[in-house]
Amino acid sequence: MNRPTDDNDADGDRSLLRLPARNQRASGIPTGSEFRDQWLSIGAAARDDIRRRARVGRPRRHIGR
């Protein structure tokens, strides 16, 4: 996504650059501890909801047998 810089980018708009945080990998994927902090900060009800949604509709068959 390398686009030429516009004139209105010169005001220091760093939201487009998305610099990685100090304890984050350069690819933008959170490290294990950071992911755990985010996961714990969203609350137990939201975690259960996400787990329930991930379980629904997943095929329960063995692959490769």
N, C-alpha and C. Protein backbone atom coordinates (compact mmCIF):
# COMPACT_ATOMS: atom_id res chain seq x y z
N MET A 1 0.83 -1.19 0.00
CA MET A 1 0.00 0.00 0.00
C MET A 1 0.86 1.25 0.00
N ASN A 2 1.82 1.30 -0.89
CA ASN A 2 2.69 2.47 -0.96
C ASN A 2 2.06 3.48 -1.90
N ARG A 3 1.45 4.51 -1.31
CA ARG A 3 0.85 5.55 -2.14
C ARG A 3 1.70 6.80 -2.05
N PRO A 4 1.71 7.59 -3.08
CA PRO A 4 2.52 8.82 -3.01
C PRO A 4 1.99 9.75 -1.93
N THR A 5 2.93 10.46 -1.30
CA THR A 5 2.53 11.33 -0.19
C THR A 5 1.83 12.56 -0.72
N ASP A 6 0.71 12.89 -0.09
CA ASP A 6 -0.05 14.07 -0.48
C ASP A 6 0.51 15.30 0.26
N ASP A 7 0.01 16.45 -0.14
CA ASP A 7 0.46 17.68 0.52
C ASP A 7 -0.10 17.77 1.94
N ASN A 8 -1.29 17.22 2.18
CA ASN A 8 -1.87 17.33 3.51
C ASN A 8 -1.30 16.29 4.49
N ASP A 9 -0.36 15.47 4.04
CA ASP A 9 0.32 14.57 4.96
C ASP A 9 1.47 15.25 5.69
N ALA A 10 1.83 16.44 5.26
CA ALA A 10 3.00 17.10 5.81
C ALA A 10 2.76 17.65 7.21
N ASP A 11 1.50 17.60 7.69
CA ASP A 11 1.24 18.14 9.02
C ASP A 11 1.53 17.13 10.12
N GLY A 12 2.18 16.05 9.79
CA GLY A 12 2.57 15.10 10.83
C GLY A 12 1.46 14.15 11.22
N ASP A 13 0.64 13.73 10.27
CA ASP A 13 -0.45 12.80 10.57
C ASP A 13 0.12 11.39 10.64
N ARG A 14 0.37 10.90 11.86
CA ARG A 14 1.00 9.60 12.01
C ARG A 14 0.00 8.46 12.11
N SER A 15 -1.30 8.76 12.01
CA SER A 15 -2.27 7.68 12.08
C SER A 15 -2.21 6.80 10.83
N LEU A 16 -1.75 7.35 9.72
CA LEU A 16 -1.65 6.56 8.51
C LEU A 16 -0.43 5.63 8.54
N LEU A 17 0.58 6.02 9.31
CA LEU A 17 1.80 5.22 9.33
C LEU A 17 1.64 3.98 10.19
N ARG A 18 0.88 4.10 11.30
CA ARG A 18 0.64 2.99 12.21
C ARG A 18 1.97 2.37 12.67
N LEU A 19 2.71 3.16 13.43
CA LEU A 19 3.98 2.68 13.95
C LEU A 19 3.73 1.61 15.01
N PRO A 20 4.52 0.54 15.03
CA PRO A 20 4.31 -0.50 16.03
C PRO A 20 4.63 0.00 17.43
N ALA A 21 3.91 -0.53 18.39
CA ALA A 21 4.14 -0.14 19.78
C ALA A 21 5.47 -0.71 20.25
N ARG A 22 5.87 -0.32 21.46
CA ARG A 22 7.19 -0.70 21.95
C ARG A 22 7.29 -2.21 22.12
N ASN A 23 6.22 -2.85 22.63
CA ASN A 23 6.28 -4.30 22.87
C ASN A 23 5.49 -5.04 21.80
N GLN A 24 5.57 -4.57 20.56
CA GLN A 24 4.82 -5.20 19.48
C GLN A 24 5.79 -5.58 18.38
N ARG A 25 5.44 -6.65 17.67
CA ARG A 25 6.27 -7.03 16.54
C ARG A 25 6.11 -6.02 15.41
N ALA A 26 7.07 -5.99 14.51
CA ALA A 26 7.03 -5.01 13.43
C ALA A 26 5.87 -5.28 12.48
N SER A 27 5.36 -6.52 12.44
CA SER A 27 4.27 -6.82 11.52
C SER A 27 2.94 -6.31 12.04
N GLY A 28 2.88 -5.82 13.27
CA GLY A 28 1.63 -5.33 13.81
C GLY A 28 0.86 -6.35 14.60
N ILE A 29 1.32 -7.61 14.63
CA ILE A 29 0.65 -8.64 15.41
C ILE A 29 1.08 -8.48 16.87
N PRO A 30 0.14 -8.42 17.80
CA PRO A 30 0.55 -8.24 19.19
C PRO A 30 1.33 -9.44 19.70
N THR A 31 2.28 -9.18 20.58
CA THR A 31 3.01 -10.27 21.20
C THR A 31 2.08 -11.01 22.16
N GLY A 32 2.54 -12.12 22.68
CA GLY A 32 1.68 -12.95 23.52
C GLY A 32 1.17 -12.22 24.76
N SER A 33 2.07 -11.54 25.45
CA SER A 33 1.65 -10.86 26.67
C SER A 33 0.71 -9.71 26.36
N GLU A 34 0.98 -9.01 25.25
CA GLU A 34 0.10 -7.89 24.91
C GLU A 34 -1.27 -8.39 24.49
N PHE A 35 -1.31 -9.50 23.74
CA PHE A 35 -2.59 -10.06 23.36
C PHE A 35 -3.36 -10.51 24.60
N ARG A 36 -2.65 -11.06 25.59
CA ARG A 36 -3.31 -11.50 26.81
C ARG A 36 -3.88 -10.30 27.57
N ASP A 37 -3.13 -9.19 27.60
CA ASP A 37 -3.64 -7.99 28.26
C ASP A 37 -4.90 -7.48 27.57
N GLN A 38 -4.90 -7.45 26.23
CA GLN A 38 -6.09 -7.01 25.51
C GLN A 38 -7.25 -7.96 25.78
N TRP A 39 -6.96 -9.27 25.77
CA TRP A 39 -8.00 -10.28 25.96
C TRP A 39 -8.61 -10.17 27.35
N LEU A 40 -7.78 -9.89 28.36
CA LEU A 40 -8.31 -9.77 29.71
C LEU A 40 -9.03 -8.44 29.93
N SER A 41 -8.71 -7.45 29.13
CA SER A 41 -9.30 -6.13 29.37
C SER A 41 -10.71 -6.02 28.80
N ILE A 42 -11.12 -6.95 27.92
CA ILE A 42 -12.44 -6.80 27.31
C ILE A 42 -13.53 -7.38 28.20
N GLY A 43 -13.19 -8.15 29.24
CA GLY A 43 -14.21 -8.62 30.17
C GLY A 43 -14.65 -10.04 29.88
N ALA A 44 -15.14 -10.71 30.93
CA ALA A 44 -15.47 -12.13 30.83
C ALA A 44 -16.68 -12.36 29.93
N ALA A 45 -17.68 -11.50 29.99
CA ALA A 45 -18.89 -11.70 29.18
C ALA A 45 -18.56 -11.62 27.69
N ALA A 46 -17.75 -10.64 27.32
CA ALA A 46 -17.37 -10.51 25.91
C ALA A 46 -16.51 -11.69 25.47
N ARG A 47 -15.63 -12.18 26.36
CA ARG A 47 -14.82 -13.34 26.00
C ARG A 47 -15.70 -14.56 25.75
N ASP A 48 -16.67 -14.79 26.63
CA ASP A 48 -17.56 -15.94 26.43
C ASP A 48 -18.34 -15.80 25.13
N ASP A 49 -18.77 -14.57 24.82
CA ASP A 49 -19.51 -14.34 23.59
C ASP A 49 -18.65 -14.65 22.38
N ILE A 50 -17.38 -14.23 22.40
CA ILE A 50 -16.48 -14.49 21.28
C ILE A 50 -16.24 -16.00 21.15
N ARG A 51 -16.05 -16.68 22.28
CA ARG A 51 -15.83 -18.11 22.22
C ARG A 51 -17.05 -18.83 21.67
N ARG A 52 -18.25 -18.38 22.09
CA ARG A 52 -19.46 -19.02 21.62
C ARG A 52 -19.62 -18.82 20.12
N ARG A 53 -19.32 -17.60 19.64
CA ARG A 53 -19.44 -17.35 18.21
C ARG A 53 -18.42 -18.16 17.42
N ALA A 54 -17.24 -18.36 17.98
CA ALA A 54 -16.21 -19.13 17.27
C ALA A 54 -16.60 -20.60 17.19
N ARG A 55 -17.36 -21.09 18.18
CA ARG A 55 -17.74 -22.50 18.17
C ARG A 55 -18.88 -22.78 17.20
N VAL A 56 -19.76 -21.81 16.96
CA VAL A 56 -20.97 -22.07 16.17
C VAL A 56 -20.59 -22.32 14.72
N GLY A 57 -21.09 -23.39 14.16
CA GLY A 57 -20.95 -23.64 12.73
C GLY A 57 -19.61 -24.19 12.32
N ARG A 58 -18.78 -24.56 13.26
CA ARG A 58 -17.49 -25.12 12.88
C ARG A 58 -17.65 -26.62 12.63
N PRO A 59 -17.19 -27.13 11.50
CA PRO A 59 -17.35 -28.56 11.23
C PRO A 59 -16.54 -29.41 12.19
N ARG A 60 -17.15 -30.47 12.70
CA ARG A 60 -16.50 -31.31 13.70
C ARG A 60 -15.98 -32.60 13.06
N ARG A 61 -15.31 -32.50 11.94
CA ARG A 61 -14.80 -33.70 11.30
C ARG A 61 -13.29 -33.66 11.28
N HIS A 62 -12.71 -34.82 11.23
CA HIS A 62 -11.25 -34.91 11.23
C HIS A 62 -10.73 -34.65 9.83
N ILE A 63 -9.73 -33.83 9.75
CA ILE A 63 -9.11 -33.51 8.46
C ILE A 63 -7.90 -34.45 8.27
N GLY A 64 -7.81 -35.03 7.12
CA GLY A 64 -6.64 -35.82 6.79
C GLY A 64 -6.67 -37.26 7.27
N ARG A 65 -7.87 -37.79 7.50
CA ARG A 65 -7.94 -39.20 7.88
C ARG A 65 -8.81 -39.95 6.90
